[in-house]
Protein backbone atom coordinates (compact mmCIF):
# COMPACT_ATOMS: atom_id res chain seq x y z
CA MET A 1 -36.38 -4.01 3.97
CA LEU A 2 -37.76 -1.87 6.39
CA HIS A 3 -40.96 -0.31 6.04
CA VAL A 4 -42.60 2.61 7.36
CA ILE A 5 -45.97 3.01 8.40
CA LEU A 6 -48.29 6.14 9.42
CA SER A 7 -50.99 5.87 11.50
CA SER A 8 -53.10 8.96 12.85
CA CYS A 9 -55.04 8.04 16.08
CA PRO A 10 -56.35 9.50 19.10
CA ALA A 11 -54.17 10.85 21.71
CA ALA A 12 -55.54 8.85 24.51
CA ALA A 13 -54.61 5.42 22.54
CA ALA A 14 -51.52 6.77 20.95
CA ASP A 15 -49.45 5.15 23.58
CA ALA A 16 -51.11 1.84 23.83
CA ILE A 17 -50.83 1.28 20.35
CA ALA A 18 -47.25 2.28 20.21
CA ARG A 19 -47.12 -0.12 23.11
CA GLY A 20 -48.74 -2.67 22.07
CA LEU A 21 -46.64 -3.00 18.48
CA VAL A 22 -43.85 -3.22 19.87
CA GLU A 23 -44.75 -5.48 22.66
CA GLN A 24 -45.61 -8.38 19.50
CA ARG A 25 -42.67 -7.62 17.90
CA VAL A 26 -44.12 -6.68 14.63
CA ALA A 27 -42.66 -3.30 15.26
CA ALA A 28 -38.71 -2.31 15.88
CA CYS A 29 -40.31 0.99 17.40
CA VAL A 30 -43.58 3.53 16.96
CA SER A 31 -42.90 6.97 17.10
CA VAL A 32 -45.23 9.05 18.51
CA LEU A 33 -45.90 12.47 17.51
CA PRO A 34 -48.42 14.79 19.59
CA GLY A 35 -50.03 18.05 17.91
CA ALA A 36 -51.45 16.23 14.47
CA VAL A 37 -54.38 18.29 13.27
CA SER A 38 -56.45 16.19 10.17
CA THR A 39 -59.18 17.31 8.46
CA TYR A 40 -61.02 14.84 5.97
CA ARG A 41 -64.73 13.56 5.37
CA TRP A 42 -66.10 11.11 6.90
CA GLN A 43 -70.02 9.97 7.27
CA GLY A 44 -70.51 12.95 4.61
CA THR A 45 -69.34 15.94 6.69
CA VAL A 46 -65.32 17.29 7.07
CA GLN A 47 -64.45 16.76 10.53
CA CYS A 48 -61.31 18.60 12.12
CA GLU A 49 -60.07 16.83 14.50
CA PRO A 50 -56.70 17.08 16.97
CA GLU A 51 -54.45 14.23 17.01
CA THR A 52 -51.80 12.29 17.45
CA LEU A 53 -49.59 10.35 14.74
CA LEU A 54 -47.85 7.12 14.61
CA VAL A 55 -44.46 6.78 12.51
CA ILE A 56 -44.45 2.35 12.88
CA LYS A 57 -40.85 0.89 11.64
CA ALA A 58 -42.05 -2.90 10.39
CA PRO A 59 -39.45 -5.32 8.97
CA GLU A 60 -40.96 -6.46 5.28
CA GLU A 61 -41.21 -10.64 7.59
CA THR A 62 -43.21 -8.43 9.87
CA LEU A 63 -45.13 -6.21 8.08
CA GLU A 64 -48.53 -8.34 7.79
CA ALA A 65 -48.68 -9.03 11.33
CA CYS A 66 -48.47 -5.41 12.05
CA MET A 67 -50.72 -3.52 10.36
CA ALA A 68 -53.40 -6.77 11.11
CA ALA A 69 -52.06 -5.74 14.48
CA LEU A 70 -52.60 -1.83 14.74
CA VAL A 71 -56.08 -2.03 12.87
CA ALA A 72 -57.33 -4.62 16.19
CA LEU A 73 -55.50 -2.13 18.20
CA HIS A 74 -56.96 0.81 16.88
CA PRO A 75 -59.96 2.45 18.21
CA TYR A 76 -60.93 3.84 15.12
CA ASP A 77 -63.84 2.25 12.60
CA VAL A 78 -61.71 2.81 10.02
CA PRO A 79 -57.74 3.95 10.87
CA GLU A 80 -56.09 5.19 9.17
CA VAL A 81 -53.05 2.60 7.79
CA VAL A 82 -50.37 4.06 5.05
CA ALA A 83 -47.56 1.46 4.69
CA TRP A 84 -44.16 1.97 2.35
CA PRO A 85 -41.12 0.15 2.19
CA ALA A 86 -38.20 2.62 2.95
CA GLN A 87 -35.51 3.08 0.37
CA ARG A 88 -32.05 3.57 2.05
CA VAL A 89 -31.89 2.68 5.56
CA ALA A 90 -28.70 2.49 7.72
CA ASP A 91 -27.29 -0.71 8.25
CA SER A 92 -27.17 -0.96 11.68
CA TYR A 93 -30.88 0.23 12.43
CA LEU A 94 -31.69 -2.53 10.42
CA ALA A 95 -30.30 -4.97 11.67
CA TRP A 96 -31.36 -3.61 15.20
CA ALA A 97 -34.58 -3.29 14.07
CA LEU A 98 -34.63 -7.46 12.41
CA ALA A 99 -33.10 -8.08 15.84
CA ALA A 100 -36.60 -6.39 18.23
CA CYS A 101 -38.94 -8.03 16.07
CA ASP A 102 -37.24 -11.44 16.43
CA VAL A 103 -36.47 -11.43 12.60
CA PRO A 104 -33.19 -14.05 11.25
CA ALA A 105 -30.97 -11.17 9.91
CA PRO A 106 -29.90 -12.07 5.94
CA THR A 107 -27.00 -14.16 5.16
């Protein structure tokens, strides 16, 4: 099974986070989507900040390690880490994602 994880971050940190997750083989792919604007409450006030959205694809077998690595690489005190299982994934993409993360294919 493949999971999709969303995390917003400052633009300056996006490439390093994406590269770190893929280099550690905890994520097969990280799509970096600039131009997001997040509105949220932080320390009692409403903030509105430009951010970059990371769309992270990780196998079930590396999900916890991926989330831990994301938190470690992320510059925020409380990084956004929202994951959910992909209900349907093309067989060829899933096979590639598993191989990219050194996860054995199911037998």
